[in-house]
Amino acid sequence: MGLWNKHVDVSEMREQTFTSVRADNETVTFENDEVRYVLYHDQDCCETVVVEEIIGDLEDLENLPLLIAREDTNADGPELPNAESYTWTFYNFATYKGYVTIRFLGESNGYYSEDVYCMKEEL
């Protein structure tokens, strides 16, 4: 089992090659023989953060170095019905094979974090 480091900037993933990229409704994991990066939110009682949409094919991010690894957020978009507070977090990744945008949506009552984190684990 590896050691988890604190939150790292997703741009650290640039120029790295991953043999596996997979997602579920709450996390996205990039992995090779040496390191694992996980995009996730540590859920608390009064908020939800989910992978709302993946545009592109995650397989396009495998076995080639990442040329782009960037995070953007926008809490000032159109209002969502029944959401007191929300944050969109967009992750943009690209290799020579393709471009992928992963969109997380965080909603809360305004008192809880809606942030997505990038955690790094040395394997």
PDB file of N, CA and C in Angstrom:
ATOM      1  N   MET A   1       0.841  -1.183   0.000  1.00  0.00           N
ATOM      2  CA  MET A   1       0.000   0.000   0.000  1.00  0.00           C
ATOM      3  C   MET A   1       0.879   1.236   0.000  1.00  0.00           C
ATOM      4  N   GLY A   2       0.512   2.226  -0.795  1.00  0.00           N
ATOM      5  CA  GLY A   2       1.308   3.437  -0.920  1.00  0.00           C
ATOM      6  C   GLY A   2       0.939   4.486   0.106  1.00  0.00           C
ATOM      7  N   LEU A   3       1.623   5.595   0.029  1.00  0.00           N
ATOM      8  CA  LEU A   3       1.370   6.726   0.903  1.00  0.00           C
ATOM      9  C   LEU A   3       0.542   7.767   0.167  1.00  0.00           C
ATOM     10  N   TRP A   4      -0.502   8.269   0.807  1.00  0.00           N
ATOM     11  CA  TRP A   4      -1.301   9.347   0.235  1.00  0.00           C
ATOM     12  C   TRP A   4      -0.646  10.663   0.579  1.00  0.00           C
ATOM     13  N   ASN A   5      -0.419  11.490  -0.413  1.00  0.00           N
ATOM     14  CA  ASN A   5       0.046  12.845  -0.190  1.00  0.00           C
ATOM     15  C   ASN A   5      -1.170  13.741  -0.053  1.00  0.00           C
ATOM     16  N   LYS A   6      -0.949  14.958   0.394  1.00  0.00           N
ATOM     17  CA  LYS A   6      -2.044  15.907   0.447  1.00  0.00           C
ATOM     18  C   LYS A   6      -2.467  16.278  -0.961  1.00  0.00           C
ATOM     19  N   HIS A   7      -3.464  17.095  -1.026  1.00  0.00           N
ATOM     20  CA  HIS A   7      -3.981  17.580  -2.301  1.00  0.00           C
ATOM     21  C   HIS A   7      -2.842  18.085  -3.172  1.00  0.00           C
ATOM     22  N   VAL A   8      -2.827  17.683  -4.421  1.00  0.00           N
ATOM     23  CA  VAL A   8      -1.843  18.171  -5.386  1.00  0.00           C
ATOM     24  C   VAL A   8      -2.589  18.848  -6.523  1.00  0.00           C
ATOM     25  N   ASP A   9      -1.911  19.734  -7.214  1.00  0.00           N
ATOM     26  CA  ASP A   9      -2.506  20.392  -8.365  1.00  0.00           C
ATOM     27  C   ASP A   9      -2.565  19.408  -9.521  1.00  0.00           C
ATOM     28  N   VAL A  10      -3.694  19.365 -10.206  1.00  0.00           N
ATOM     29  CA  VAL A  10      -3.883  18.414 -11.296  1.00  0.00           C
ATOM     30  C   VAL A  10      -2.852  18.621 -12.408  1.00  0.00           C
ATOM     31  N   SER A  11      -2.293  19.822 -12.525  1.00  0.00           N
ATOM     32  CA  SER A  11      -1.293  20.071 -13.561  1.00  0.00           C
ATOM     33  C   SER A  11      -0.044  19.217 -13.373  1.00  0.00           C
ATOM     34  N   GLU A  12       0.162  18.675 -12.172  1.00  0.00           N
ATOM     35  CA  GLU A  12       1.280  17.768 -11.899  1.00  0.00           C
ATOM     36  C   GLU A  12       1.201  16.507 -12.766  1.00  0.00           C
ATOM     37  N   MET A  13       0.016  16.182 -13.249  1.00  0.00           N
ATOM     38  CA  MET A  13      -0.178  14.980 -14.055  1.00  0.00           C
ATOM     39  C   MET A  13       0.309  15.153 -15.495  1.00  0.00           C
ATOM     40  N   ARG A  14       0.506  16.394 -15.912  1.00  0.00           N
ATOM     41  CA  ARG A  14       0.952  16.670 -17.280  1.00  0.00           C
ATOM     42  C   ARG A  14       2.263  15.953 -17.557  1.00  0.00           C
ATOM     43  N   GLU A  15       2.389  15.424 -18.757  1.00  0.00           N
ATOM     44  CA  GLU A  15       3.553  14.705 -19.270  1.00  0.00           C
ATOM     45  C   GLU A  15       3.711  13.306 -18.686  1.00  0.00           C
ATOM     46  N   GLN A  16       2.777  12.885 -17.825  1.00  0.00           N
ATOM     47  CA  GLN A  16       2.810  11.520 -17.308  1.00  0.00           C
ATOM     48  C   GLN A  16       1.950  10.623 -18.196  1.00  0.00           C
ATOM     49  N   THR A  17       2.304   9.333 -18.218  1.00  0.00           N
ATOM     50  CA  THR A  17       1.571   8.334 -18.989  1.00  0.00           C
ATOM     51  C   THR A  17       0.871   7.401 -18.019  1.00  0.00           C
ATOM     52  N   PHE A  18      -0.420   7.157 -18.251  1.00  0.00           N
ATOM     53  CA  PHE A  18      -1.219   6.302 -17.383  1.00  0.00           C
ATOM     54  C   PHE A  18      -1.706   5.089 -18.163  1.00  0.00           C
ATOM     55  N   THR A  19      -1.603   3.927 -17.544  1.00  0.00           N
ATOM     56  CA  THR A  19      -2.042   2.692 -18.195  1.00  0.00           C
ATOM     57  C   THR A  19      -3.525   2.423 -17.956  1.00  0.00           C
ATOM     58  N   SER A  20      -4.104   3.087 -16.950  1.00  0.00           N
ATOM     59  CA  SER A  20      -5.508   2.888 -16.631  1.00  0.00           C
ATOM     60  C   SER A  20      -6.131   4.224 -16.232  1.00  0.00           C
ATOM     61  N   VAL A  21      -7.269   4.535 -16.846  1.00  0.00           N
ATOM     62  CA  VAL A  21      -8.069   5.698 -16.462  1.00  0.00           C
ATOM     63  C   VAL A  21      -9.506   5.203 -16.350  1.00  0.00           C
ATOM     64  N   ARG A  22     -10.084   5.326 -15.152  1.00  0.00           N
ATOM     65  CA  ARG A  22     -11.442   4.820 -14.949  1.00  0.00           C
ATOM     66  C   ARG A  22     -12.237   5.801 -14.081  1.00  0.00           C
ATOM     67  N   ALA A  23     -13.560   5.716 -14.197  1.00  0.00           N
ATOM     68  CA  ALA A  23     -14.436   6.636 -13.480  1.00  0.00           C
ATOM     69  C   ALA A  23     -15.667   5.902 -12.978  1.00  0.00           C
ATOM     70  N   ASP A  24     -16.204   6.404 -11.878  1.00  0.00           N
ATOM     71  CA  ASP A  24     -17.531   6.006 -11.425  1.00  0.00           C
ATOM     72  C   ASP A  24     -18.302   7.302 -11.167  1.00  0.00           C
ATOM     73  N   ASN A  25     -19.390   7.249 -10.446  1.00  0.00           N
ATOM     74  CA  ASN A  25     -20.180   8.468 -10.288  1.00  0.00           C
ATOM     75  C   ASN A  25     -19.604   9.453  -9.267  1.00  0.00           C
ATOM     76  N   GLU A  26     -18.528   9.080  -8.547  1.00  0.00           N
ATOM     77  CA  GLU A  26     -17.947   9.984  -7.555  1.00  0.00           C
ATOM     78  C   GLU A  26     -16.455  10.215  -7.715  1.00  0.00           C
ATOM     79  N   THR A  27     -15.744   9.370  -8.464  1.00  0.00           N
ATOM     80  CA  THR A  27     -14.292   9.496  -8.566  1.00  0.00           C
ATOM     81  C   THR A  27     -13.814   9.235  -9.987  1.00  0.00           C
ATOM     82  N   VAL A  28     -12.622   9.757 -10.272  1.00  0.00           N
ATOM     83  CA  VAL A  28     -11.915   9.436 -11.511  1.00  0.00           C
ATOM     84  C   VAL A  28     -10.495   9.085 -11.099  1.00  0.00           C
ATOM     85  N   THR A  29      -9.994   7.933 -11.572  1.00  0.00           N
ATOM     86  CA  THR A  29      -8.689   7.429 -11.153  1.00  0.00           C
ATOM     87  C   THR A  29      -7.776   7.265 -12.360  1.00  0.00           C
ATOM     88  N   PHE A  30      -6.571   7.825 -12.248  1.00  0.00           N
ATOM     89  CA  PHE A  30      -5.500   7.687 -13.242  1.00  0.00           C
ATOM     90  C   PHE A  30      -4.403   6.885 -12.570  1.00  0.00           C
ATOM     91  N   GLU A  31      -3.890   5.832 -13.251  1.00  0.00           N
ATOM     92  CA  GLU A  31      -2.933   4.962 -12.590  1.00  0.00           C
ATOM     93  C   GLU A  31      -1.903   4.426 -13.571  1.00  0.00           C
ATOM     94  N   ASN A  32      -0.675   4.255 -13.061  1.00  0.00           N
ATOM     95  CA  ASN A  32       0.356   3.496 -13.753  1.00  0.00           C
ATOM     96  C   ASN A  32       1.082   2.667 -12.700  1.00  0.00           C
ATOM     97  N   ASP A  33       2.225   2.083 -13.019  1.00  0.00           N
ATOM     98  CA  ASP A  33       2.916   1.205 -12.069  1.00  0.00           C
ATOM     99  C   ASP A  33       3.496   1.954 -10.877  1.00  0.00           C
ATOM    100  N   GLU A  34       3.659   3.267 -10.986  1.00  0.00           N
ATOM    101  CA  GLU A  34       4.342   4.030  -9.950  1.00  0.00           C
ATOM    102  C   GLU A  34       3.439   4.934  -9.123  1.00  0.00           C
ATOM    103  N   VAL A  35       2.324   5.374  -9.698  1.00  0.00           N
ATOM    104  CA  VAL A  35       1.524   6.396  -9.028  1.00  0.00           C
ATOM    105  C   VAL A  35       0.051   6.260  -9.391  1.00  0.00           C
ATOM    106  N   ARG A  36      -0.795   6.718  -8.470  1.00  0.00           N
ATOM    107  CA  ARG A  36      -2.246   6.767  -8.695  1.00  0.00           C
ATOM    108  C   ARG A  36      -2.716   8.172  -8.303  1.00  0.00           C
ATOM    109  N   TYR A  37      -3.486   8.795  -9.196  1.00  0.00           N
ATOM    110  CA  TYR A  37      -4.136  10.068  -8.889  1.00  0.00           C
ATOM    111  C   TYR A  37      -5.639   9.822  -8.859  1.00  0.00           C
ATOM    112  N   VAL A  38      -6.310  10.375  -7.865  1.00  0.00           N
ATOM    113  CA  VAL A  38      -7.754  10.211  -7.745  1.00  0.00           C
ATOM    114  C   VAL A  38      -8.389  11.593  -7.612  1.00  0.00           C
ATOM    115  N   LEU A  39      -9.322  11.890  -8.515  1.00  0.00           N
ATOM    116  CA  LEU A  39     -10.142  13.094  -8.411  1.00  0.00           C
ATOM    117  C   LEU A  39     -11.375  12.695  -7.621  1.00  0.00           C
ATOM    118  N   TYR A  40     -11.623  13.375  -6.502  1.00  0.00           N
ATOM    119  CA  TYR A  40     -12.714  12.949  -5.624  1.00  0.00           C
ATOM    120  C   TYR A  40     -13.136  14.091  -4.709  1.00  0.00           C
ATOM    121  N   HIS A  41     -14.217  13.879  -3.988  1.00  0.00           N
ATOM    122  CA  HIS A  41     -14.674  14.772  -2.931  1.00  0.00           C
ATOM    123  C   HIS A  41     -14.965  13.921  -1.710  1.00  0.00           C
ATOM    124  N   ASP A  42     -14.485  14.362  -0.566  1.00  0.00           N
ATOM    125  CA  ASP A  42     -14.745  13.667   0.698  1.00  0.00           C
ATOM    126  C   ASP A  42     -16.131  14.091   1.177  1.00  0.00           C
ATOM    127  N   GLN A  43     -17.142  13.254   0.946  1.00  0.00           N
ATOM    128  CA  GLN A  43     -18.528  13.612   1.222  1.00  0.00           C
ATOM    129  C   GLN A  43     -18.772  13.830   2.708  1.00  0.00           C
ATOM    130  N   ASP A  44     -19.558  14.859   3.001  1.00  0.00           N
ATOM    131  CA  ASP A  44     -20.001  15.149   4.357  1.00  0.00           C
ATOM    132  C   ASP A  44     -21.519  15.000   4.365  1.00  0.00           C
ATOM    133  N   CYS A  45     -22.145  15.389   5.430  1.00  0.00           N
ATOM    134  CA  CYS A  45     -23.576  15.127   5.594  1.00  0.00           C
ATOM    135  C   CYS A  45     -24.477  15.970   4.698  1.00  0.00           C
ATOM    136  N   CYS A  46     -24.083  17.172   4.396  1.00  0.00           N
ATOM    137  CA  CYS A  46     -25.037  18.098   3.801  1.00  0.00           C
ATOM    138  C   CYS A  46     -24.604  18.626   2.438  1.00  0.00           C
ATOM    139  N   GLU A  47     -23.884  17.813   1.678  1.00  0.00           N
ATOM    140  CA  GLU A  47     -23.528  18.189   0.328  1.00  0.00           C
ATOM    141  C   GLU A  47     -23.352  16.932  -0.505  1.00  0.00           C
ATOM    142  N   THR A  48     -23.396  17.126  -1.806  1.00  0.00           N
ATOM    143  CA  THR A  48     -23.103  16.037  -2.733  1.00  0.00           C
ATOM    144  C   THR A  48     -22.205  16.595  -3.831  1.00  0.00           C
ATOM    145  N   VAL A  49     -21.246  15.797  -4.239  1.00  0.00           N
ATOM    146  CA  VAL A  49     -20.375  16.125  -5.362  1.00  0.00           C
ATOM    147  C   VAL A  49     -20.274  14.859  -6.199  1.00  0.00           C
ATOM    148  N   VAL A  50     -20.676  14.957  -7.452  1.00  0.00           N
ATOM    149  CA  VAL A  50     -20.713  13.786  -8.325  1.00  0.00           C
ATOM    150  C   VAL A  50     -20.082  14.103  -9.677  1.00  0.00           C
ATOM    151  N   VAL A  51     -19.669  13.047 -10.366  1.00  0.00           N
ATOM    152  CA  VAL A  51     -19.235  13.177 -11.749  1.00  0.00           C
ATOM    153  C   VAL A  51     -20.514  13.316 -12.566  1.00  0.00           C
ATOM    154  N   GLU A  52     -20.771  14.509 -13.042  1.00  0.00           N
ATOM    155  CA  GLU A  52     -22.009  14.809 -13.759  1.00  0.00           C
ATOM    156  C   GLU A  52     -21.934  14.386 -15.226  1.00  0.00           C
ATOM    157  N   GLU A  53     -20.725  14.530 -15.838  1.00  0.00           N
ATOM    158  CA  GLU A  53     -20.621  14.239 -17.267  1.00  0.00           C
ATOM    159  C   GLU A  53     -19.163  14.021 -17.649  1.00  0.00           C
ATOM    160  N   ILE A  54     -18.953  13.106 -18.589  1.00  0.00           N
ATOM    161  CA  ILE A  54     -17.632  12.909 -19.192  1.00  0.00           C
ATOM    162  C   ILE A  54     -17.814  13.063 -20.695  1.00  0.00           C
ATOM    163  N   ILE A  55     -17.115  14.049 -21.243  1.00  0.00           N
ATOM    164  CA  ILE A  55     -17.181  14.300 -22.677  1.00  0.00           C
ATOM    165  C   ILE A  55     -15.878  13.789 -23.276  1.00  0.00           C
ATOM    166  N   GLY A  56     -15.968  12.817 -24.150  1.00  0.00           N
ATOM    167  CA  GLY A  56     -14.793  12.182 -24.723  1.00  0.00           C
ATOM    168  C   GLY A  56     -14.648  10.766 -24.193  1.00  0.00           C
ATOM    169  N   ASP A  57     -13.600  10.097 -24.621  1.00  0.00           N
ATOM    170  CA  ASP A  57     -13.357   8.695 -24.279  1.00  0.00           C
ATOM    171  C   ASP A  57     -12.152   8.603 -23.350  1.00  0.00           C
ATOM    172  N   LEU A  58     -12.365   8.099 -22.135  1.00  0.00           N
ATOM    173  CA  LEU A  58     -11.265   7.977 -21.170  1.00  0.00           C
ATOM    174  C   LEU A  58     -10.114   7.139 -21.714  1.00  0.00           C
ATOM    175  N   GLU A  59     -10.399   6.182 -22.602  1.00  0.00           N
ATOM    176  CA  GLU A  59      -9.335   5.357 -23.182  1.00  0.00           C
ATOM    177  C   GLU A  59      -8.359   6.187 -24.007  1.00  0.00           C
ATOM    178  N   ASP A  60      -8.786   7.346 -24.496  1.00  0.00           N
ATOM    179  CA  ASP A  60      -7.885   8.233 -25.234  1.00  0.00           C
ATOM    180  C   ASP A  60      -6.785   8.802 -24.341  1.00  0.00           C
ATOM    181  N   LEU A  61      -6.965   8.700 -23.022  1.00  0.00           N
ATOM    182  CA  LEU A  61      -5.982   9.226 -22.068  1.00  0.00           C
ATOM    183  C   LEU A  61      -4.998   8.165 -21.597  1.00  0.00           C
ATOM    184  N   GLU A  62      -5.150   6.938 -22.082  1.00  0.00           N
ATOM    185  CA  GLU A  62      -4.291   5.840 -21.649  1.00  0.00           C
ATOM    186  C   GLU A  62      -3.124   5.621 -22.610  1.00  0.00           C
ATOM    187  N   ASN A  63      -1.980   5.274 -22.035  1.00  0.00           N
ATOM    188  CA  ASN A  63      -0.779   4.836 -22.764  1.00  0.00           C
ATOM    189  C   ASN A  63      -0.121   5.901 -23.635  1.00  0.00           C
ATOM    190  N   LEU A  64      -0.451   7.155 -23.408  1.00  0.00           N
ATOM    191  CA  LEU A  64       0.202   8.289 -24.062  1.00  0.00           C
ATOM    192  C   LEU A  64       0.383   9.388 -23.018  1.00  0.00           C
ATOM    193  N   PRO A  65       1.436  10.189 -23.127  1.00  0.00           N
ATOM    194  CA  PRO A  65       1.623  11.259 -22.141  1.00  0.00           C
ATOM    195  C   PRO A  65       0.502  12.299 -22.231  1.00  0.00           C
ATOM    196  N   LEU A  66       0.076  12.792 -21.057  1.00  0.00           N
ATOM    197  CA  LEU A  66      -0.917  13.857 -21.026  1.00  0.00           C
ATOM    198  C   LEU A  66      -0.274  15.159 -21.487  1.00  0.00           C
ATOM    199  N   LEU A  67      -0.871  15.795 -22.459  1.00  0.00           N
ATOM    200  CA  LEU A  67      -0.405  17.088 -22.955  1.00  0.00           C
ATOM    201  C   LEU A  67      -1.084  18.228 -22.206  1.00  0.00           C
ATOM    202  N   ILE A  68      -2.316  17.970 -21.773  1.00  0.00           N
ATOM    203  CA  ILE A  68      -3.094  18.950 -21.017  1.00  0.00           C
ATOM    204  C   ILE A  68      -3.632  18.263 -19.771  1.00  0.00           C
ATOM    205  N   ALA A  69      -3.507  18.929 -18.631  1.00  0.00           N
ATOM    206  CA  ALA A  69      -4.112  18.496 -17.372  1.00  0.00           C
ATOM    207  C   ALA A  69      -4.447  19.778 -16.618  1.00  0.00           C
ATOM    208  N   ARG A  70      -5.729  20.171 -16.666  1.00  0.00           N
ATOM    209  CA  ARG A  70      -6.122  21.471 -16.142  1.00  0.00           C
ATOM    210  C   ARG A  70      -7.456  21.383 -15.407  1.00  0.00           C
ATOM    211  N   GLU A  71      -7.595  22.178 -14.334  1.00  0.00           N
ATOM    212  CA  GLU A  71      -8.844  22.290 -13.580  1.00  0.00           C
ATOM    213  C   GLU A  71      -9.393  23.701 -13.727  1.00  0.00           C
ATOM    214  N   ASP A  72     -10.696  23.798 -13.964  1.00  0.00           N
ATOM    215  CA  ASP A  72     -11.402  25.077 -13.990  1.00  0.00           C
ATOM    216  C   ASP A  72     -12.681  24.922 -13.180  1.00  0.00           C
ATOM    217  N   THR A  73     -13.084  25.974 -12.473  1.00  0.00           N
ATOM    218  CA  THR A  73     -14.347  25.938 -11.741  1.00  0.00           C
ATOM    219  C   THR A  73     -15.181  27.146 -12.127  1.00  0.00           C
ATOM    220  N   ASN A  74     -16.488  27.001 -11.931  1.00  0.00           N
ATOM    221  CA  ASN A  74     -17.383  28.103 -12.223  1.00  0.00           C
ATOM    222  C   ASN A  74     -18.618  27.983 -11.355  1.00  0.00           C
ATOM    223  N   ALA A  75     -18.666  28.769 -10.289  1.00  0.00           N
ATOM    224  CA  ALA A  75     -19.844  28.789  -9.428  1.00  0.00           C
ATOM    225  C   ALA A  75     -20.811  29.887  -9.838  1.00  0.00           C
ATOM    226  N   ASP A  76     -20.494  30.624 -10.899  1.00  0.00           N
ATOM    227  CA  ASP A  76     -21.322  31.760 -11.314  1.00  0.00           C
ATOM    228  C   ASP A  76     -22.145  31.470 -12.555  1.00  0.00           C
ATOM    229  N   GLY A  77     -22.402  30.198 -12.815  1.00  0.00           N
ATOM    230  CA  GLY A  77     -23.185  29.842 -13.987  1.00  0.00           C
ATOM    231  C   GLY A  77     -24.667  30.011 -13.735  1.00  0.00           C
ATOM    232  N   PRO A  78     -25.504  29.498 -14.619  1.00  0.00           N
ATOM    233  CA  PRO A  78     -26.950  29.610 -14.427  1.00  0.00           C
ATOM    234  C   PRO A  78     -27.375  28.896 -13.143  1.00  0.00           C
ATOM    235  N   GLU A  79     -28.402  29.424 -12.516  1.00  0.00           N
ATOM    236  CA  GLU A  79     -28.859  28.854 -11.246  1.00  0.00           C
ATOM    237  C   GLU A  79     -29.491  27.490 -11.456  1.00  0.00           C
ATOM    238  N   LEU A  80     -29.280  26.630 -10.472  1.00  0.00           N
ATOM    239  CA  LEU A  80     -29.875  25.298 -10.500  1.00  0.00           C
ATOM    240  C   LEU A  80     -31.112  25.305  -9.613  1.00  0.00           C
ATOM    241  N   PRO A  81     -32.183  24.664 -10.064  1.00  0.00           N
ATOM    242  CA  PRO A  81     -33.372  24.606  -9.215  1.00  0.00           C
ATOM    243  C   PRO A  81     -33.083  23.823  -7.935  1.00  0.00           C
ATOM    244  N   ASN A  82     -33.560  24.326  -6.830  1.00  0.00           N
ATOM    245  CA  ASN A  82     -33.454  23.669  -5.513  1.00  0.00           C
ATOM    246  C   ASN A  82     -32.035  23.568  -4.974  1.00  0.00           C
ATOM    247  N   ALA A  83     -31.092  24.315  -5.512  1.00  0.00           N
ATOM    248  CA  ALA A  83     -29.714  24.290  -5.002  1.00  0.00           C
ATOM    249  C   ALA A  83     -29.415  25.627  -4.347  1.00  0.00           C
ATOM    250  N   GLU A  84     -29.076  25.590  -3.060  1.00  0.00           N
ATOM    251  CA  GLU A  84     -28.714  26.818  -2.369  1.00  0.00           C
ATOM    252  C   GLU A  84     -27.322  27.275  -2.774  1.00  0.00           C
ATOM    253  N   SER A  85     -26.430  26.318  -3.002  1.00  0.00           N
ATOM    254  CA  SER A  85     -25.068  26.616  -3.415  1.00  0.00           C
ATOM    255  C   SER A  85     -24.591  25.480  -4.308  1.00  0.00           C
ATOM    256  N   TYR A  86     -23.800  25.816  -5.324  1.00  0.00           N
ATOM    257  CA  TYR A  86     -23.284  24.780  -6.208  1.00  0.00           C
ATOM    258  C   TYR A  86     -21.981  25.250  -6.834  1.00  0.00           C
ATOM    259  N   THR A  87     -21.177  24.272  -7.244  1.00  0.00           N
ATOM    260  CA  THR A  87     -19.917  24.542  -7.926  1.00  0.00           C
ATOM    261  C   THR A  87     -19.743  23.516  -9.034  1.00  0.00           C
ATOM    262  N   TRP A  88     -19.441  24.005 -10.229  1.00  0.00           N
ATOM    263  CA  TRP A  88     -19.031  23.134 -11.326  1.00  0.00           C
ATOM    264  C   TRP A  88     -17.516  23.072 -11.291  1.00  0.00           C
ATOM    265  N   THR A  89     -16.948  21.884 -11.379  1.00  0.00           N
ATOM    266  CA  THR A  89     -15.498  21.733 -11.511  1.00  0.00           C
ATOM    267  C   THR A  89     -15.249  20.942 -12.789  1.00  0.00           C
ATOM    268  N   PHE A  90     -14.481  21.542 -13.680  1.00  0.00           N
ATOM    269  CA  PHE A  90     -14.170  20.926 -14.970  1.00  0.00           C
ATOM    270  C   PHE A  90     -12.713  20.499 -14.966  1.00  0.00           C
ATOM    271  N   TYR A  91     -12.460  19.264 -15.363  1.00  0.00           N
ATOM    272  CA  TYR A  91     -11.095  18.776 -15.565  1.00  0.00           C
ATOM    273  C   TYR A  91     -10.930  18.513 -17.050  1.00  0.00           C
ATOM    274  N   ASN A  92      -9.905  19.114 -17.632  1.00  0.00           N
ATOM    275  CA  ASN A  92      -9.616  18.963 -19.049  1.00  0.00           C
ATOM    276  C   ASN A  92      -8.291  18.230 -19.210  1.00  0.00           C
ATOM    277  N   PHE A  93      -8.331  17.138 -19.969  1.00  0.00           N
ATOM    278  CA  PHE A  93      -7.148  16.312 -20.216  1.00  0.00           C
ATOM    279  C   PHE A  93      -7.052  16.052 -21.718  1.00  0.00           C
ATOM    280  N   ALA A  94      -5.820  15.940 -22.202  1.00  0.00           N
ATOM    281  CA  ALA A  94      -5.648  15.618 -23.621  1.00  0.00           C
ATOM    282  C   ALA A  94      -4.342  14.876 -23.833  1.00  0.00           C
ATOM    283  N   THR A  95      -4.360  13.980 -24.821  1.00  0.00           N
ATOM    284  CA  THR A  95      -3.168  13.327 -25.354  1.00  0.00           C
ATOM    285  C   THR A  95      -3.212  13.576 -26.863  1.00  0.00           C
ATOM    286  N   TYR A  96      -2.243  13.032 -27.575  1.00  0.00           N
ATOM    287  CA  TYR A  96      -2.289  13.134 -29.032  1.00  0.00           C
ATOM    288  C   TYR A  96      -3.503  12.421 -29.612  1.00  0.00           C
ATOM    289  N   LYS A  97      -4.066  11.473 -28.857  1.00  0.00           N
ATOM    290  CA  LYS A  97      -5.185  10.673 -29.347  1.00  0.00           C
ATOM    291  C   LYS A  97      -6.542  11.359 -29.180  1.00  0.00           C
ATOM    292  N   GLY A  98      -6.705  12.179 -28.107  1.00  0.00           N
ATOM    293  CA  GLY A  98      -8.011  12.786 -27.892  1.00  0.00           C
ATOM    294  C   GLY A  98      -8.050  13.730 -26.707  1.00  0.00           C
ATOM    295  N   TYR A  99      -9.199  14.391 -26.561  1.00  0.00           N
ATOM    296  CA  TYR A  99      -9.446  15.400 -25.536  1.00  0.00           C
ATOM    297  C   TYR A  99     -10.636  14.943 -24.711  1.00  0.00           C
ATOM    298  N   VAL A 100     -10.531  15.052 -23.372  1.00  0.00           N
ATOM    299  CA  VAL A 100     -11.605  14.624 -22.481  1.00  0.00           C
ATOM    300  C   VAL A 100     -11.873  15.730 -21.465  1.00  0.00           C
ATOM    301  N   THR A 101     -13.147  16.052 -21.273  1.00  0.00           N
ATOM    302  CA  THR A 101     -13.571  16.968 -20.220  1.00  0.00           C
ATOM    303  C   THR A 101     -14.415  16.184 -19.232  1.00  0.00           C
ATOM    304  N   ILE A 102     -14.060  16.283 -17.958  1.00  0.00           N
ATOM    305  CA  ILE A 102     -14.801  15.627 -16.881  1.00  0.00           C
ATOM    306  C   ILE A 102     -15.428  16.731 -16.047  1.00  0.00           C
ATOM    307  N   ARG A 103     -16.763  16.683 -15.896  1.00  0.00           N
ATOM    308  CA  ARG A 103     -17.476  17.735 -15.175  1.00  0.00           C
ATOM    309  C   ARG A 103     -18.063  17.184 -13.883  1.00  0.00           C
ATOM    310  N   PHE A 104     -17.601  17.736 -12.772  1.00  0.00           N
ATOM    311  CA  PHE A 104     -18.161  17.423 -11.459  1.00  0.00           C
ATOM    312  C   PHE A 104     -19.168  18.512 -11.096  1.00  0.00           C
ATOM    313  N   LEU A 105     -20.241  18.140 -10.403  1.00  0.00           N
ATOM    314  CA  LEU A 105     -21.193  19.095  -9.866  1.00  0.00           C
ATOM    315  C   LEU A 105     -21.257  18.908  -8.360  1.00  0.00           C
ATOM    316  N   GLY A 106     -20.995  19.990  -7.623  1.00  0.00           N
ATOM    317  CA  GLY A 106     -21.115  19.982  -6.172  1.00  0.00           C
ATOM    318  C   GLY A 106     -22.276  20.858  -5.747  1.00  0.00           C
ATOM    319  N   GLU A 107     -23.133  20.343  -4.870  1.00  0.00           N
ATOM    320  CA  GLU A 107     -24.267  21.102  -4.342  1.00  0.00           C
ATOM    321  C   GLU A 107     -24.283  20.996  -2.826  1.00  0.00           C
ATOM    322  N   SER A 108     -24.652  22.098  -2.163  1.00  0.00           N
ATOM    323  CA  SER A 108     -24.756  22.074  -0.707  1.00  0.00           C
ATOM    324  C   SER A 108     -25.696  23.179  -0.246  1.00  0.00           C
ATOM    325  N   ASN A 109     -25.818  23.293   1.076  1.00  0.00           N
ATOM    326  CA  ASN A 109     -26.624  24.371   1.639  1.00  0.00           C
ATOM    327  C   ASN A 109     -25.804  25.650   1.793  1.00  0.00           C
ATOM    328  N   GLY A 110     -24.570  25.637   1.313  1.00  0.00           N
ATOM    329  CA  GLY A 110     -23.719  26.817   1.374  1.00  0.00           C
ATOM    330  C   GLY A 110     -22.731  26.812   2.518  1.00  0.00           C
ATOM    331  N   TYR A 111     -22.886  25.879   3.448  1.00  0.00           N
ATOM    332  CA  TYR A 111     -21.993  25.807   4.598  1.00  0.00           C
ATOM    333  C   TYR A 111     -20.961  24.696   4.480  1.00  0.00           C
ATOM    334  N   TYR A 112     -21.028  23.910   3.423  1.00  0.00           N
ATOM    335  CA  TYR A 112     -20.142  22.768   3.254  1.00  0.00           C
ATOM    336  C   TYR A 112     -19.369  22.898   1.943  1.00  0.00           C
ATOM    337  N   SER A 113     -18.229  22.246   1.895  1.00  0.00           N
ATOM    338  CA  SER A 113     -17.364  22.303   0.720  1.00  0.00           C
ATOM    339  C   SER A 113     -18.002  21.574  -0.455  1.00  0.00           C
ATOM    340  N   GLU A 114     -17.810  22.143  -1.619  1.00  0.00           N
ATOM    341  CA  GLU A 114     -18.239  21.520  -2.873  1.00  0.00           C
ATOM    342  C   GLU A 114     -17.031  21.265  -3.765  1.00  0.00           C
ATOM    343  N   ASP A 115     -15.845  21.352  -3.175  1.00  0.00           N
ATOM    344  CA  ASP A 115     -14.598  21.240  -3.919  1.00  0.00           C
ATOM    345  C   ASP A 115     -14.274  19.800  -4.289  1.00  0.00           C
ATOM    346  N   VAL A 116     -13.591  19.662  -5.411  1.00  0.00           N
ATOM    347  CA  VAL A 116     -13.052  18.382  -5.850  1.00  0.00           C
ATOM    348  C   VAL A 116     -11.547  18.451  -5.623  1.00  0.00           C
ATOM    349  N   TYR A 117     -10.975  17.350  -5.174  1.00  0.00           N
ATOM    350  CA  TYR A 117      -9.553  17.306  -4.858  1.00  0.00           C
ATOM    351  C   TYR A 117      -8.843  16.301  -5.758  1.00  0.00           C
ATOM    352  N   CYS A 118      -7.572  16.550  -5.982  1.00  0.00           N
ATOM    353  CA  CYS A 118      -6.714  15.611  -6.685  1.00  0.00           C
ATOM    354  C   CYS A 118      -5.718  15.072  -5.660  1.00  0.00           C
ATOM    355  N   MET A 119      -5.850  13.789  -5.348  1.00  0.00           N
ATOM    356  CA  MET A 119      -4.958  13.152  -4.379  1.00  0.00           C
ATOM    357  C   MET A 119      -3.982  12.255  -5.141  1.00  0.00           C
ATOM    358  N   LYS A 120      -2.768  12.186  -4.624  1.00  0.00           N
ATOM    359  CA  LYS A 120      -1.714  11.400  -5.256  1.00  0.00           C
ATOM    360  C   LYS A 120      -1.269  10.313  -4.297  1.00  0.00           C
ATOM    361  N   GLU A 121      -1.139   9.096  -4.812  1.00  0.00           N
ATOM    362  CA  GLU A 121      -0.648   7.959  -4.036  1.00  0.00           C
ATOM    363  C   GLU A 121       0.534   7.351  -4.765  1.00  0.00           C
ATOM    364  N   GLU A 122       1.683   7.312  -4.099  1.00  0.00           N
ATOM    365  CA  GLU A 122       2.857   6.618  -4.654  1.00  0.00           C
ATOM    366  C   GLU A 122       2.653   5.138  -4.446  1.00  0.00           C
ATOM    367  N   LEU A 123       2.847   4.348  -5.491  1.00  0.00           N
ATOM    368  CA  LEU A 123       2.627   2.886  -5.382  1.00  0.00           C
ATOM    369  C   LEU A 123       3.932   2.161  -5.155  1.00  0.00           C
TER     370      LEU A 123
END
